[in-house]
Amino acid sequence: MNINLTPEQERIINEEVRSGHFRSVEEVIAKALVVLRERDGASLAAGRSVDDRSRAVREMMNFVEKNRIPLRDVSVKQLIREGHRL
């Protein structure tokens, strides 16, 4: 595979090899790919976490509406804590 790097990308890679952080250009690229994969995995996990929280809030609000529970003087944080307790 042939790739074209910008001068800045090439400079960064060469600096990493010269500094001794990596033994070769290939090692720098390999590490960059590992970091990319980890970051993408973390992004997916974070996305699921946000989806899970959104779903939990929707379910909680549906429960409140369905059971006609007044929400005066009750914070969302208190409702979430109560939900975790159950």
Foldseek 3Di string as FASTA:
>chain_A
DDDDDDPVVVVVLVVCCVVVVDVDSVRVVVVVVVVVVVVVVVVVVVVVVVVVVVVVVVVLVVVCVVVVPDCPPPDPVNSVVVVVVD
